[in-house]
Amino acid sequence: MEKSIKGTKTEQNLLKAFAGESQARNR
């Protein structure tokens, strides 16, 4: 990831989406 993206809302949104997919797959 680029430093420009780190620490921004975009990164948090990506993390949330990634975590959501992980939990959905685990179920």
N, C-alpha and C. Protein backbone atom coordinates (compact mmCIF):
# COMPACT_ATOMS: atom_id res chain seq x y z
N MET A 1 0.84 -1.21 0.00
CA MET A 1 0.00 0.00 0.00
C MET A 1 0.87 1.26 0.00
N GLU A 2 0.38 2.27 -0.64
CA GLU A 2 1.16 3.52 -0.67
C GLU A 2 0.96 4.29 0.62
N LYS A 3 1.99 5.05 0.99
CA LYS A 3 1.90 5.81 2.25
C LYS A 3 0.76 6.83 2.17
N SER A 4 0.47 7.32 0.98
CA SER A 4 -0.59 8.33 0.84
C SER A 4 -1.94 7.74 1.26
N ILE A 5 -2.10 6.44 1.07
CA ILE A 5 -3.38 5.82 1.43
C ILE A 5 -3.42 5.48 2.90
N LYS A 6 -2.25 5.20 3.47
CA LYS A 6 -2.23 4.78 4.88
C LYS A 6 -2.72 5.90 5.78
N GLY A 7 -3.51 5.54 6.80
CA GLY A 7 -3.97 6.53 7.76
C GLY A 7 -5.17 7.31 7.26
N THR A 8 -5.73 6.91 6.13
CA THR A 8 -6.89 7.64 5.62
C THR A 8 -8.15 6.81 5.80
N LYS A 9 -9.28 7.43 5.56
CA LYS A 9 -10.55 6.68 5.70
C LYS A 9 -10.60 5.56 4.68
N THR A 10 -9.96 5.77 3.54
CA THR A 10 -9.97 4.73 2.50
C THR A 10 -9.38 3.45 3.05
N GLU A 11 -8.26 3.57 3.74
CA GLU A 11 -7.61 2.36 4.29
C GLU A 11 -8.55 1.68 5.27
N GLN A 12 -9.17 2.46 6.14
CA GLN A 12 -10.08 1.86 7.13
C GLN A 12 -11.23 1.16 6.42
N ASN A 13 -11.75 1.79 5.37
CA ASN A 13 -12.86 1.16 4.63
C ASN A 13 -12.40 -0.15 4.03
N LEU A 14 -11.17 -0.18 3.49
CA LEU A 14 -10.66 -1.42 2.90
C LEU A 14 -10.53 -2.48 3.97
N LEU A 15 -10.01 -2.07 5.14
CA LEU A 15 -9.83 -3.05 6.23
C LEU A 15 -11.20 -3.58 6.66
N LYS A 16 -12.17 -2.68 6.76
CA LYS A 16 -13.51 -3.13 7.19
C LYS A 16 -14.09 -4.09 6.16
N ALA A 17 -13.95 -3.76 4.90
CA ALA A 17 -14.48 -4.64 3.85
C ALA A 17 -13.76 -5.97 3.88
N PHE A 18 -12.44 -5.93 4.06
CA PHE A 18 -11.66 -7.17 4.10
C PHE A 18 -12.09 -8.02 5.29
N ALA A 19 -12.23 -7.40 6.45
CA ALA A 19 -12.64 -8.13 7.66
C ALA A 19 -14.04 -8.69 7.45
N GLY A 20 -14.91 -7.92 6.83
CA GLY A 20 -16.28 -8.38 6.59
C GLY A 20 -16.27 -9.62 5.70
N GLU A 21 -15.44 -9.60 4.66
CA GLU A 21 -15.38 -10.77 3.77
C GLU A 21 -14.84 -11.97 4.53
N SER A 22 -13.83 -11.74 5.36
CA SER A 22 -13.24 -12.85 6.12
C SER A 22 -14.30 -13.49 7.02
N GLN A 23 -15.04 -12.65 7.74
CA GLN A 23 -16.06 -13.19 8.65
C GLN A 23 -17.15 -13.90 7.84
N ALA A 24 -17.52 -13.34 6.72
CA ALA A 24 -18.57 -13.96 5.90
C ALA A 24 -18.09 -15.32 5.40
N ARG A 25 -16.83 -15.40 5.01
CA ARG A 25 -16.31 -16.68 4.51
C ARG A 25 -16.24 -17.69 5.64
N ASN A 26 -15.85 -17.24 6.83
CA ASN A 26 -15.74 -18.18 7.96
C ASN A 26 -17.12 -18.77 8.25
N ARG A 27 -18.16 -17.98 8.08
CA ARG A 27 -19.51 -18.49 8.33
C ARG A 27 -19.89 -19.38 7.17
